[in-house]
Amino acid sequence: MRGGASWCCRSSTNSAGSTPIECRIEATDHADAAAHPPPWPTHPLRGAPGFHAGDRPLSRGCAHVNPLRHFIAIGAINGFLAVAFGAFAAHALKDLLSSGLLEAFRTGVHYQAIHALALLVVGLLGDRSTTSKLLRWSGWAFATGILLFSGSLYILALTDIRWLGAITPFGGTAFLLGWALLAWFAMRRRP
């Protein structure tokens, strides 16, 4: 289709438990898209061949892609790393580090795990809402906080370079900013 017009079909489960398929125009030029109807019926379908149930796009031309899905990946990677670093601390580092440095490492793991979950929430909210700058900034604040807060604690614990402790509060501030932005997003969001 000319002008960037395309048809988007989605299936969704309604209150009756059925999964109707809805088709709509996803276009920059709606007149052009309306002049070229899709090659399938636009009324709700049930069990049509080639369509799959679930709340997701069904056609390649569908413009709906979660713009914040990268936060799901970042959160999952950080969750994985938090578990791995926690196991590393419990088994490999317990005899190598002083109790103070081991506690600093464990604090980094704890905050990384919590904010990995926060990143997953941001990514999942991005799929259910319109793109929000507040939500995007919240995700980047959480990711920055993990890097600065947990990262500085890991390096501090492993190298005993004390000046790295000065970076840690910037990561904590990023965490606070992320939570504040997420709360602001939630209060502004309309049901």
C-alpha atoms as a PDB file:
ATOM      1  CA  MET A   1       0.000   0.000   0.000  1.00  0.00           C
ATOM      2  CA  ARG A   2       1.126   3.512  -0.706  1.00  0.00           C
ATOM      3  CA  GLY A   3       1.663   6.138   1.994  1.00  0.00           C
ATOM      4  CA  GLY A   4       2.668   3.683   4.709  1.00  0.00           C
ATOM      5  CA  ALA A   5      -0.843   2.288   5.091  1.00  0.00           C
ATOM      6  CA  SER A   6      -1.256  -1.255   6.314  1.00  0.00           C
ATOM      7  CA  TRP A   7      -3.845  -3.390   8.017  1.00  0.00           C
ATOM      8  CA  CYS A   8      -3.306  -4.702  11.498  1.00  0.00           C
ATOM      9  CA  CYS A   9      -5.179  -7.643  12.968  1.00  0.00           C
ATOM     10  CA  ARG A  10      -5.168  -8.575  16.650  1.00  0.00           C
ATOM     11  CA  SER A  11      -6.888 -11.264  18.589  1.00  0.00           C
ATOM     12  CA  SER A  12      -8.020 -10.656  22.136  1.00  0.00           C
ATOM     13  CA  THR A  13     -10.024 -12.608  24.658  1.00  0.00           C
ATOM     14  CA  ASN A  14     -13.253 -10.825  25.558  1.00  0.00           C
ATOM     15  CA  SER A  15     -15.415 -11.192  28.677  1.00  0.00           C
ATOM     16  CA  ALA A  16     -17.284 -14.123  27.106  1.00  0.00           C
ATOM     17  CA  GLY A  17     -14.004 -16.004  26.712  1.00  0.00           C
ATOM     18  CA  SER A  18     -14.039 -15.974  22.920  1.00  0.00           C
ATOM     19  CA  THR A  19     -11.161 -14.639  20.866  1.00  0.00           C
ATOM     20  CA  PRO A  20     -12.507 -12.361  18.152  1.00  0.00           C
ATOM     21  CA  ILE A  21     -10.057 -11.032  15.628  1.00  0.00           C
ATOM     22  CA  GLU A  22     -10.213  -7.323  14.989  1.00  0.00           C
ATOM     23  CA  CYS A  23      -8.678  -5.673  11.947  1.00  0.00           C
ATOM     24  CA  ARG A  24      -7.959  -1.988  11.680  1.00  0.00           C
ATOM     25  CA  ILE A  25      -5.947   0.452   9.633  1.00  0.00           C
ATOM     26  CA  GLU A  26      -2.455   1.277  10.850  1.00  0.00           C
ATOM     27  CA  ALA A  27      -1.501   4.014   8.473  1.00  0.00           C
ATOM     28  CA  THR A  28      -0.075   7.441   8.002  1.00  0.00           C
ATOM     29  CA  ASP A  29      -2.480   7.930   5.110  1.00  0.00           C
ATOM     30  CA  HIS A  30      -5.866   6.541   6.190  1.00  0.00           C
ATOM     31  CA  ALA A  31      -7.554   7.434   2.898  1.00  0.00           C
ATOM     32  CA  ASP A  32      -5.082   5.256   1.008  1.00  0.00           C
ATOM     33  CA  ALA A  33      -5.553   2.336   3.417  1.00  0.00           C
ATOM     34  CA  ALA A  34      -9.335   2.617   3.248  1.00  0.00           C
ATOM     35  CA  ALA A  35      -9.145   2.416  -0.543  1.00  0.00           C
ATOM     36  CA  HIS A  36      -7.333  -0.925  -0.250  1.00  0.00           C
ATOM     37  CA  PRO A  37      -9.335  -3.248   2.025  1.00  0.00           C
ATOM     38  CA  PRO A  38      -7.554  -6.229   3.539  1.00  0.00           C
ATOM     39  CA  PRO A  39      -7.758  -9.573   1.725  1.00  0.00           C
ATOM     40  CA  TRP A  40      -9.749 -11.060   4.636  1.00  0.00           C
ATOM     41  CA  PRO A  41     -13.073 -10.212   6.274  1.00  0.00           C
ATOM     42  CA  THR A  42     -12.909  -7.430   8.867  1.00  0.00           C
ATOM     43  CA  HIS A  43     -15.655  -8.816  11.097  1.00  0.00           C
ATOM     44  CA  PRO A  44     -14.661 -10.891  14.128  1.00  0.00           C
ATOM     45  CA  LEU A  45     -13.488 -14.366  13.180  1.00  0.00           C
ATOM     46  CA  ARG A  46     -13.191 -17.424  15.311  1.00  0.00           C
ATOM     47  CA  GLY A  47     -10.834 -20.228  14.440  1.00  0.00           C
ATOM     48  CA  ALA A  48      -9.844 -18.831  11.066  1.00  0.00           C
ATOM     49  CA  PRO A  49      -6.932 -20.704   9.494  1.00  0.00           C
ATOM     50  CA  GLY A  50      -3.577 -19.044  10.009  1.00  0.00           C
ATOM     51  CA  PHE A  51      -4.730 -16.973  12.989  1.00  0.00           C
ATOM     52  CA  HIS A  52      -3.618 -17.693  16.531  1.00  0.00           C
ATOM     53  CA  ALA A  53      -5.372 -16.778  19.761  1.00  0.00           C
ATOM     54  CA  GLY A  54      -3.793 -14.489  22.286  1.00  0.00           C
ATOM     55  CA  ASP A  55      -3.485 -10.767  22.688  1.00  0.00           C
ATOM     56  CA  ARG A  56      -0.929 -10.138  19.958  1.00  0.00           C
ATOM     57  CA  PRO A  57      -0.655  -8.855  16.401  1.00  0.00           C
ATOM     58  CA  LEU A  58      -1.509 -11.387  13.723  1.00  0.00           C
ATOM     59  CA  SER A  59      -0.422  -9.687  10.529  1.00  0.00           C
ATOM     60  CA  ARG A  60       3.034  -8.690   9.389  1.00  0.00           C
ATOM     61  CA  GLY A  61       1.853  -5.210   8.544  1.00  0.00           C
ATOM     62  CA  CYS A  62       0.751  -4.529  12.101  1.00  0.00           C
ATOM     63  CA  ALA A  63       2.383  -1.416  13.461  1.00  0.00           C
ATOM     64  CA  HIS A  64       1.782  -2.317  17.119  1.00  0.00           C
ATOM     65  CA  VAL A  65       5.081  -3.378  18.549  1.00  0.00           C
ATOM     66  CA  ASN A  66       5.794  -2.756  22.204  1.00  0.00           C
ATOM     67  CA  PRO A  67       8.188   0.202  22.047  1.00  0.00           C
ATOM     68  CA  LEU A  68       9.534  -0.654  25.499  1.00  0.00           C
ATOM     69  CA  ARG A  69      10.109  -4.378  24.915  1.00  0.00           C
ATOM     70  CA  HIS A  70      13.875  -3.865  25.235  1.00  0.00           C
ATOM     71  CA  PHE A  71      13.307  -3.251  28.964  1.00  0.00           C
ATOM     72  CA  ILE A  72      11.956  -6.802  29.231  1.00  0.00           C
ATOM     73  CA  ALA A  73      15.222  -8.098  27.774  1.00  0.00           C
ATOM     74  CA  ILE A  74      17.349  -5.782  29.946  1.00  0.00           C
ATOM     75  CA  GLY A  75      15.371  -6.844  33.022  1.00  0.00           C
ATOM     76  CA  ALA A  76      15.678 -10.540  32.192  1.00  0.00           C
ATOM     77  CA  ILE A  77      19.436 -10.255  31.616  1.00  0.00           C
ATOM     78  CA  ASN A  78      19.861  -8.391  34.901  1.00  0.00           C
ATOM     79  CA  GLY A  79      17.729 -10.960  36.724  1.00  0.00           C
ATOM     80  CA  PHE A  80      19.941 -13.719  35.337  1.00  0.00           C
ATOM     81  CA  LEU A  81      23.094 -11.837  36.339  1.00  0.00           C
ATOM     82  CA  ALA A  82      21.770 -11.124  39.837  1.00  0.00           C
ATOM     83  CA  VAL A  83      21.173 -14.833  40.443  1.00  0.00           C
ATOM     84  CA  ALA A  84      24.589 -15.722  38.999  1.00  0.00           C
ATOM     85  CA  PHE A  85      26.364 -13.037  41.059  1.00  0.00           C
ATOM     86  CA  GLY A  86      24.471 -14.125  44.177  1.00  0.00           C
ATOM     87  CA  ALA A  87      25.631 -17.700  43.697  1.00  0.00           C
ATOM     88  CA  PHE A  88      29.173 -16.453  42.997  1.00  0.00           C
ATOM     89  CA  ALA A  89      29.126 -14.474  46.251  1.00  0.00           C
ATOM     90  CA  ALA A  90      27.737 -17.378  48.269  1.00  0.00           C
ATOM     91  CA  HIS A  91      30.185 -19.970  46.985  1.00  0.00           C
ATOM     92  CA  ALA A  92      33.332 -18.385  45.563  1.00  0.00           C
ATOM     93  CA  LEU A  93      33.665 -15.090  47.414  1.00  0.00           C
ATOM     94  CA  LYS A  94      32.704 -16.012  50.977  1.00  0.00           C
ATOM     95  CA  ASP A  95      36.260 -17.122  51.826  1.00  0.00           C
ATOM     96  CA  LEU A  96      38.044 -14.523  49.676  1.00  0.00           C
ATOM     97  CA  LEU A  97      36.481 -11.240  50.819  1.00  0.00           C
ATOM     98  CA  SER A  98      36.225  -9.581  54.193  1.00  0.00           C
ATOM     99  CA  SER A  99      32.752  -9.545  55.710  1.00  0.00           C
ATOM    100  CA  GLY A 100      32.320  -5.831  54.871  1.00  0.00           C
ATOM    101  CA  LEU A 101      33.251  -6.261  51.206  1.00  0.00           C
ATOM    102  CA  LEU A 102      31.126  -9.406  50.910  1.00  0.00           C
ATOM    103  CA  GLU A 103      28.171  -7.487  52.357  1.00  0.00           C
ATOM    104  CA  ALA A 104      28.731  -4.700  49.800  1.00  0.00           C
ATOM    105  CA  PHE A 105      28.705  -7.282  46.993  1.00  0.00           C
ATOM    106  CA  ARG A 106      25.498  -8.853  48.344  1.00  0.00           C
ATOM    107  CA  THR A 107      23.865  -5.408  48.555  1.00  0.00           C
ATOM    108  CA  GLY A 108      24.660  -4.908  44.869  1.00  0.00           C
ATOM    109  CA  VAL A 109      23.066  -8.275  44.066  1.00  0.00           C
ATOM    110  CA  HIS A 110      19.969  -7.444  46.115  1.00  0.00           C
ATOM    111  CA  TYR A 111      19.366  -4.102  44.404  1.00  0.00           C
ATOM    112  CA  GLN A 112      20.122  -5.525  40.965  1.00  0.00           C
ATOM    113  CA  ALA A 113      17.497  -8.247  41.463  1.00  0.00           C
ATOM    114  CA  ILE A 114      14.836  -5.800  42.678  1.00  0.00           C
ATOM    115  CA  HIS A 115      15.404  -3.414  39.792  1.00  0.00           C
ATOM    116  CA  ALA A 116      15.560  -6.221  37.238  1.00  0.00           C
ATOM    117  CA  LEU A 117      11.945  -6.896  38.236  1.00  0.00           C
ATOM    118  CA  ALA A 118      11.177  -3.178  37.968  1.00  0.00           C
ATOM    119  CA  LEU A 119      12.537  -3.212  34.402  1.00  0.00           C
ATOM    120  CA  LEU A 120      10.264  -6.147  33.567  1.00  0.00           C
ATOM    121  CA  VAL A 121       7.285  -4.173  34.890  1.00  0.00           C
ATOM    122  CA  VAL A 122       8.227  -1.152  32.761  1.00  0.00           C
ATOM    123  CA  GLY A 123       8.537  -3.349  29.678  1.00  0.00           C
ATOM    124  CA  LEU A 124       5.216  -5.059  30.299  1.00  0.00           C
ATOM    125  CA  LEU A 125       3.436  -1.759  30.971  1.00  0.00           C
ATOM    126  CA  GLY A 126       4.765  -0.525  27.635  1.00  0.00           C
ATOM    127  CA  ASP A 127       2.767  -3.256  25.906  1.00  0.00           C
ATOM    128  CA  ARG A 128      -0.471  -2.254  27.635  1.00  0.00           C
ATOM    129  CA  SER A 129      -0.313   1.506  27.258  1.00  0.00           C
ATOM    130  CA  THR A 130       0.498   4.186  24.808  1.00  0.00           C
ATOM    131  CA  THR A 131       4.140   5.069  24.606  1.00  0.00           C
ATOM    132  CA  SER A 132       4.949   7.267  27.572  1.00  0.00           C
ATOM    133  CA  LYS A 133       8.086   9.302  28.061  1.00  0.00           C
ATOM    134  CA  LEU A 134       7.661   8.888  31.817  1.00  0.00           C
ATOM    135  CA  LEU A 135       7.663   5.120  31.465  1.00  0.00           C
ATOM    136  CA  ARG A 136      10.666   5.156  29.126  1.00  0.00           C
ATOM    137  CA  TRP A 137      12.627   7.488  31.437  1.00  0.00           C
ATOM    138  CA  SER A 138      11.728   5.278  34.381  1.00  0.00           C
ATOM    139  CA  GLY A 139      13.193   2.251  32.614  1.00  0.00           C
ATOM    140  CA  TRP A 140      16.399   4.045  31.716  1.00  0.00           C
ATOM    141  CA  ALA A 141      16.708   5.344  35.286  1.00  0.00           C
ATOM    142  CA  PHE A 142      16.424   1.778  36.630  1.00  0.00           C
ATOM    143  CA  ALA A 143      19.012   0.509  34.124  1.00  0.00           C
ATOM    144  CA  THR A 144      21.372   3.379  34.967  1.00  0.00           C
ATOM    145  CA  GLY A 145      20.885   2.710  38.665  1.00  0.00           C
ATOM    146  CA  ILE A 146      21.842  -0.937  38.242  1.00  0.00           C
ATOM    147  CA  LEU A 147      24.969   0.024  36.343  1.00  0.00           C
ATOM    148  CA  LEU A 148      26.084   2.730  38.783  1.00  0.00           C
ATOM    149  CA  PHE A 149      24.852   1.351  42.115  1.00  0.00           C
ATOM    150  CA  SER A 150      25.326  -2.394  41.752  1.00  0.00           C
ATOM    151  CA  GLY A 151      28.235  -2.064  39.332  1.00  0.00           C
ATOM    152  CA  SER A 152      30.206   0.212  41.636  1.00  0.00           C
ATOM    153  CA  LEU A 153      29.563  -2.088  44.607  1.00  0.00           C
ATOM    154  CA  TYR A 154      30.741  -5.131  42.638  1.00  0.00           C
ATOM    155  CA  ILE A 155      33.947  -3.422  41.546  1.00  0.00           C
ATOM    156  CA  LEU A 156      34.498  -1.979  45.035  1.00  0.00           C
ATOM    157  CA  ALA A 157      34.091  -5.414  46.639  1.00  0.00           C
ATOM    158  CA  LEU A 158      36.351  -7.189  44.152  1.00  0.00           C
ATOM    159  CA  THR A 159      39.117  -4.568  43.915  1.00  0.00           C
ATOM    160  CA  ASP A 160      38.819  -2.684  47.233  1.00  0.00           C
ATOM    161  CA  ILE A 161      39.153   0.613  45.343  1.00  0.00           C
ATOM    162  CA  ARG A 162      37.468   2.862  47.906  1.00  0.00           C
ATOM    163  CA  TRP A 163      36.810   5.914  45.711  1.00  0.00           C
ATOM    164  CA  LEU A 164      34.269   3.845  43.741  1.00  0.00           C
ATOM    165  CA  GLY A 165      32.003   4.199  46.750  1.00  0.00           C
ATOM    166  CA  ALA A 166      31.470   7.817  45.642  1.00  0.00           C
ATOM    167  CA  ILE A 167      29.685   6.575  42.487  1.00  0.00           C
ATOM    168  CA  THR A 168      27.195   4.413  44.384  1.00  0.00           C
ATOM    169  CA  PRO A 169      24.918   7.283  45.560  1.00  0.00           C
ATOM    170  CA  PHE A 170      24.411   8.379  41.945  1.00  0.00           C
ATOM    171  CA  GLY A 171      23.036   4.918  41.228  1.00  0.00           C
ATOM    172  CA  GLY A 172      20.783   5.148  44.269  1.00  0.00           C
ATOM    173  CA  THR A 173      19.525   8.510  43.024  1.00  0.00           C
ATOM    174  CA  ALA A 174      18.780   6.935  39.634  1.00  0.00           C
ATOM    175  CA  PHE A 175      16.757   4.216  41.391  1.00  0.00           C
ATOM    176  CA  LEU A 176      14.758   6.853  43.298  1.00  0.00           C
ATOM    177  CA  LEU A 177      14.153   8.785  40.086  1.00  0.00           C
ATOM    178  CA  GLY A 178      12.967   5.609  38.347  1.00  0.00           C
ATOM    179  CA  TRP A 179      10.447   4.858  41.093  1.00  0.00           C
ATOM    180  CA  ALA A 180       9.223   8.470  41.149  1.00  0.00           C
ATOM    181  CA  LEU A 181       8.734   8.469  37.372  1.00  0.00           C
ATOM    182  CA  LEU A 182       6.912   5.138  37.501  1.00  0.00           C
ATOM    183  CA  ALA A 183       4.596   6.497  40.211  1.00  0.00           C
ATOM    184  CA  TRP A 184       3.989   9.659  38.179  1.00  0.00           C
ATOM    185  CA  PHE A 185       3.161   7.528  35.136  1.00  0.00           C
ATOM    186  CA  ALA A 186       0.705   5.458  37.185  1.00  0.00           C
ATOM    187  CA  MET A 187      -1.047   8.537  38.596  1.00  0.00           C
ATOM    188  CA  ARG A 188      -1.387  10.182  35.177  1.00  0.00           C
ATOM    189  CA  ARG A 189      -2.579   7.041  33.410  1.00  0.00           C
ATOM    190  CA  ARG A 190      -6.264   6.877  32.637  1.00  0.00           C
ATOM    191  CA  PRO A 191      -8.108   3.550  32.983  1.00  0.00           C
END
